[in-house]
Amino acid sequence: MNQITVRGIPPELEKRIRRKAKTTGKSLNKVMLELIGGSTDPGKRDKKPAGASLAELAGGWSEKEAREFEESLRGFEEIDEATWR
């Protein structure tokens, strides 16, 4: 197995890594491999659909709510010819 030495880790980052290892019951090496692997492998990153962050911020509708809203608008889709004369 190859080895890489990482120097200059800020103290706060080291604390967080050690805390994660302790709370998960994993070795420092395992935690570091997971962190590095997850940040360098695009397939392992959390993929969110476009606009997901806006939906989280602004909120979104369930399928039922969207359907009910669409149904409530149906009456507005009809054109009153007398209004447009």
N, C-alpha and C. Protein backbone atom coordinates (compact mmCIF):
# COMPACT_ATOMS: atom_id res chain seq x y z
N MET A 1 0.84 -1.18 0.00
CA MET A 1 0.00 0.00 0.00
C MET A 1 0.88 1.24 0.00
N ASN A 2 0.43 2.23 -0.73
CA ASN A 2 1.13 3.51 -0.76
C ASN A 2 0.77 4.34 0.45
N GLN A 3 1.65 5.29 0.75
CA GLN A 3 1.41 6.18 1.88
C GLN A 3 1.58 7.62 1.43
N ILE A 4 0.81 8.49 2.04
CA ILE A 4 0.92 9.92 1.80
C ILE A 4 0.96 10.60 3.16
N THR A 5 1.89 11.53 3.32
CA THR A 5 1.96 12.30 4.55
C THR A 5 1.31 13.65 4.31
N VAL A 6 0.44 14.04 5.20
CA VAL A 6 -0.22 15.34 5.09
C VAL A 6 0.30 16.22 6.20
N ARG A 7 0.85 17.37 5.84
CA ARG A 7 1.41 18.29 6.82
C ARG A 7 0.56 19.54 6.89
N GLY A 8 0.67 20.22 8.01
CA GLY A 8 0.03 21.52 8.15
C GLY A 8 -1.48 21.47 8.34
N ILE A 9 -1.97 20.40 8.94
CA ILE A 9 -3.41 20.31 9.22
C ILE A 9 -3.73 21.29 10.34
N PRO A 10 -4.66 22.21 10.11
CA PRO A 10 -5.03 23.15 11.17
C PRO A 10 -5.55 22.41 12.40
N PRO A 11 -5.24 22.91 13.60
CA PRO A 11 -5.65 22.22 14.83
C PRO A 11 -7.15 21.94 14.91
N GLU A 12 -7.98 22.89 14.48
CA GLU A 12 -9.43 22.68 14.55
C GLU A 12 -9.87 21.54 13.62
N LEU A 13 -9.27 21.46 12.45
CA LEU A 13 -9.58 20.38 11.52
C LEU A 13 -9.15 19.04 12.10
N GLU A 14 -7.98 19.01 12.71
CA GLU A 14 -7.50 17.78 13.35
C GLU A 14 -8.48 17.32 14.44
N LYS A 15 -8.95 18.27 15.24
CA LYS A 15 -9.91 17.92 16.30
C LYS A 15 -11.18 17.30 15.72
N ARG A 16 -11.67 17.91 14.63
CA ARG A 16 -12.91 17.39 14.02
C ARG A 16 -12.70 15.99 13.46
N ILE A 17 -11.54 15.77 12.85
CA ILE A 17 -11.25 14.44 12.29
C ILE A 17 -11.14 13.41 13.41
N ARG A 18 -10.42 13.77 14.46
CA ARG A 18 -10.27 12.84 15.59
C ARG A 18 -11.62 12.57 16.27
N ARG A 19 -12.43 13.62 16.40
CA ARG A 19 -13.77 13.46 17.00
C ARG A 19 -14.62 12.52 16.14
N LYS A 20 -14.57 12.68 14.83
CA LYS A 20 -15.34 11.82 13.93
C LYS A 20 -14.89 10.37 14.06
N ALA A 21 -13.58 10.16 14.14
CA ALA A 21 -13.06 8.80 14.29
C ALA A 21 -13.54 8.19 15.60
N LYS A 22 -13.50 8.98 16.66
CA LYS A 22 -13.90 8.47 17.97
C LYS A 22 -15.40 8.18 18.02
N THR A 23 -16.21 9.10 17.51
CA THR A 23 -17.67 8.91 17.59
C THR A 23 -18.17 7.80 16.68
N THR A 24 -17.46 7.55 15.59
CA THR A 24 -17.88 6.48 14.67
C THR A 24 -17.20 5.15 14.97
N GLY A 25 -16.21 5.18 15.87
CA GLY A 25 -15.50 3.96 16.20
C GLY A 25 -14.57 3.49 15.09
N LYS A 26 -14.15 4.42 14.25
CA LYS A 26 -13.25 4.08 13.14
C LYS A 26 -11.86 4.62 13.43
N SER A 27 -10.89 4.06 12.73
CA SER A 27 -9.52 4.54 12.88
C SER A 27 -9.38 5.88 12.15
N LEU A 28 -8.35 6.64 12.55
CA LEU A 28 -8.07 7.90 11.85
C LEU A 28 -7.83 7.64 10.37
N ASN A 29 -7.12 6.58 10.08
CA ASN A 29 -6.82 6.24 8.69
C ASN A 29 -8.10 6.00 7.90
N LYS A 30 -9.03 5.25 8.47
CA LYS A 30 -10.30 4.95 7.79
C LYS A 30 -11.09 6.23 7.55
N VAL A 31 -11.16 7.08 8.56
CA VAL A 31 -11.90 8.34 8.43
C VAL A 31 -11.27 9.21 7.34
N MET A 32 -9.95 9.31 7.34
CA MET A 32 -9.26 10.11 6.32
C MET A 32 -9.51 9.55 4.92
N LEU A 33 -9.46 8.23 4.77
CA LEU A 33 -9.71 7.63 3.46
C LEU A 33 -11.14 7.92 2.99
N GLU A 34 -12.10 7.85 3.90
CA GLU A 34 -13.49 8.15 3.54
C GLU A 34 -13.65 9.61 3.14
N LEU A 35 -13.03 10.51 3.90
CA LEU A 35 -13.14 11.94 3.60
C LEU A 35 -12.49 12.28 2.26
N ILE A 36 -11.30 11.77 2.06
CA ILE A 36 -10.59 12.05 0.81
C ILE A 36 -11.30 11.37 -0.36
N GLY A 37 -11.69 10.14 -0.17
CA GLY A 37 -12.38 9.41 -1.25
C GLY A 37 -13.69 10.06 -1.64
N GLY A 38 -14.45 10.50 -0.65
CA GLY A 38 -15.74 11.12 -0.94
C GLY A 38 -15.61 12.46 -1.64
N SER A 39 -14.53 13.17 -1.36
CA SER A 39 -14.38 14.49 -1.98
C SER A 39 -13.72 14.43 -3.35
N THR A 40 -13.11 13.30 -3.68
CA THR A 40 -12.44 13.19 -4.98
C THR A 40 -13.17 12.31 -5.97
N ASP A 41 -14.17 11.58 -5.53
CA ASP A 41 -14.93 10.69 -6.41
C ASP A 41 -16.29 11.30 -6.70
N PRO A 42 -16.49 11.85 -7.88
CA PRO A 42 -17.78 12.48 -8.18
C PRO A 42 -18.97 11.55 -8.02
N GLY A 43 -18.77 10.26 -8.19
CA GLY A 43 -19.86 9.31 -8.06
C GLY A 43 -20.34 9.14 -6.63
N LYS A 44 -19.50 9.49 -5.66
CA LYS A 44 -19.86 9.31 -4.26
C LYS A 44 -20.43 10.58 -3.63
N ARG A 45 -20.37 11.68 -4.35
CA ARG A 45 -20.90 12.93 -3.81
C ARG A 45 -22.41 12.89 -3.83
N ASP A 46 -23.00 13.62 -2.91
CA ASP A 46 -24.46 13.75 -2.91
C ASP A 46 -24.86 14.55 -4.12
N LYS A 47 -25.68 13.95 -4.96
CA LYS A 47 -26.15 14.65 -6.15
C LYS A 47 -27.57 15.12 -5.91
N LYS A 48 -27.77 16.40 -6.07
CA LYS A 48 -29.09 16.98 -5.91
C LYS A 48 -29.54 17.49 -7.27
N PRO A 49 -30.80 17.36 -7.53
CA PRO A 49 -31.29 17.87 -8.81
C PRO A 49 -31.17 19.38 -8.88
N ALA A 50 -31.10 19.91 -10.10
CA ALA A 50 -31.00 21.35 -10.27
C ALA A 50 -32.17 22.04 -9.57
N GLY A 51 -31.87 23.08 -8.86
CA GLY A 51 -32.91 23.83 -8.16
C GLY A 51 -33.25 23.28 -6.79
N ALA A 52 -32.59 22.22 -6.36
CA ALA A 52 -32.92 21.61 -5.07
C ALA A 52 -32.64 22.56 -3.92
N SER A 53 -31.55 23.33 -4.02
CA SER A 53 -31.24 24.24 -2.93
C SER A 53 -32.29 25.34 -2.82
N LEU A 54 -32.84 25.78 -3.95
CA LEU A 54 -33.90 26.78 -3.91
C LEU A 54 -35.16 26.19 -3.28
N ALA A 55 -35.46 24.94 -3.62
CA ALA A 55 -36.63 24.29 -3.04
C ALA A 55 -36.47 24.15 -1.52
N GLU A 56 -35.26 23.85 -1.07
CA GLU A 56 -35.01 23.74 0.37
C GLU A 56 -35.19 25.09 1.05
N LEU A 57 -34.76 26.14 0.38
CA LEU A 57 -34.85 27.48 0.95
C LEU A 57 -36.28 28.00 0.93
N ALA A 58 -36.93 27.88 -0.21
CA ALA A 58 -38.26 28.47 -0.38
C ALA A 58 -39.38 27.51 -0.03
N GLY A 59 -39.08 26.25 0.04
CA GLY A 59 -40.12 25.25 0.30
C GLY A 59 -40.63 24.68 -1.01
N GLY A 60 -41.39 23.67 -0.92
CA GLY A 60 -41.93 23.03 -2.12
C GLY A 60 -43.25 22.38 -1.80
N TRP A 61 -43.90 21.91 -2.82
CA TRP A 61 -45.19 21.27 -2.66
C TRP A 61 -45.06 19.77 -2.82
N SER A 62 -45.91 19.08 -2.10
CA SER A 62 -46.00 17.64 -2.31
C SER A 62 -46.78 17.42 -3.60
N GLU A 63 -46.78 16.19 -4.08
CA GLU A 63 -47.54 15.86 -5.30
C GLU A 63 -49.02 16.20 -5.10
N LYS A 64 -49.54 15.89 -3.93
CA LYS A 64 -50.95 16.14 -3.64
C LYS A 64 -51.25 17.64 -3.66
N GLU A 65 -50.37 18.44 -3.03
CA GLU A 65 -50.58 19.89 -3.00
C GLU A 65 -50.52 20.48 -4.41
N ALA A 66 -49.58 20.02 -5.21
CA ALA A 66 -49.46 20.52 -6.58
C ALA A 66 -50.70 20.16 -7.40
N ARG A 67 -51.19 18.95 -7.24
CA ARG A 67 -52.39 18.50 -7.96
C ARG A 67 -53.60 19.35 -7.55
N GLU A 68 -53.75 19.59 -6.25
CA GLU A 68 -54.87 20.40 -5.76
C GLU A 68 -54.78 21.83 -6.30
N PHE A 69 -53.58 22.37 -6.37
CA PHE A 69 -53.41 23.72 -6.90
C PHE A 69 -53.79 23.77 -8.37
N GLU A 70 -53.31 22.79 -9.14
CA GLU A 70 -53.65 22.73 -10.56
C GLU A 70 -55.16 22.63 -10.76
N GLU A 71 -55.80 21.82 -9.95
CA GLU A 71 -57.25 21.65 -10.06
C GLU A 71 -57.97 22.96 -9.73
N SER A 72 -57.47 23.71 -8.76
CA SER A 72 -58.12 24.97 -8.39
C SER A 72 -57.99 26.03 -9.48
N LEU A 73 -57.03 25.88 -10.38
CA LEU A 73 -56.84 26.84 -11.47
C LEU A 73 -57.63 26.51 -12.72
N ARG A 74 -58.22 25.35 -12.78
CA ARG A 74 -58.92 24.91 -14.00
C ARG A 74 -59.98 25.91 -14.46
N GLY A 75 -60.70 26.52 -13.54
CA GLY A 75 -61.73 27.48 -13.91
C GLY A 75 -61.18 28.72 -14.61
N PHE A 76 -59.93 29.03 -14.37
CA PHE A 76 -59.32 30.21 -14.99
C PHE A 76 -58.80 29.92 -16.40
N GLU A 77 -58.78 28.66 -16.79
CA GLU A 77 -58.30 28.30 -18.12
C GLU A 77 -59.35 28.54 -19.20
N GLU A 78 -60.59 28.68 -18.82
CA GLU A 78 -61.66 28.92 -19.78
C GLU A 78 -61.73 30.41 -20.12
N ILE A 79 -61.81 30.70 -21.39
CA ILE A 79 -61.86 32.09 -21.84
C ILE A 79 -63.31 32.51 -21.99
N ASP A 80 -63.64 33.63 -21.38
CA ASP A 80 -64.99 34.20 -21.50
C ASP A 80 -64.97 35.12 -22.72
N GLU A 81 -65.57 34.66 -23.81
CA GLU A 81 -65.56 35.39 -25.07
C GLU A 81 -66.18 36.78 -24.92
N ALA A 82 -67.19 36.92 -24.07
CA ALA A 82 -67.85 38.22 -23.91
C ALA A 82 -66.90 39.26 -23.33
N THR A 83 -65.97 38.84 -22.52
CA THR A 83 -65.02 39.77 -21.92
C THR A 83 -64.09 40.36 -22.97
N TRP A 84 -63.81 39.61 -24.02
CA TRP A 84 -62.82 40.02 -25.01
C TRP A 84 -63.45 40.65 -26.26
N ARG A 85 -64.69 41.08 -26.22
CA ARG A 85 -65.33 41.72 -27.38
C ARG A 85 -65.18 43.20 -27.34
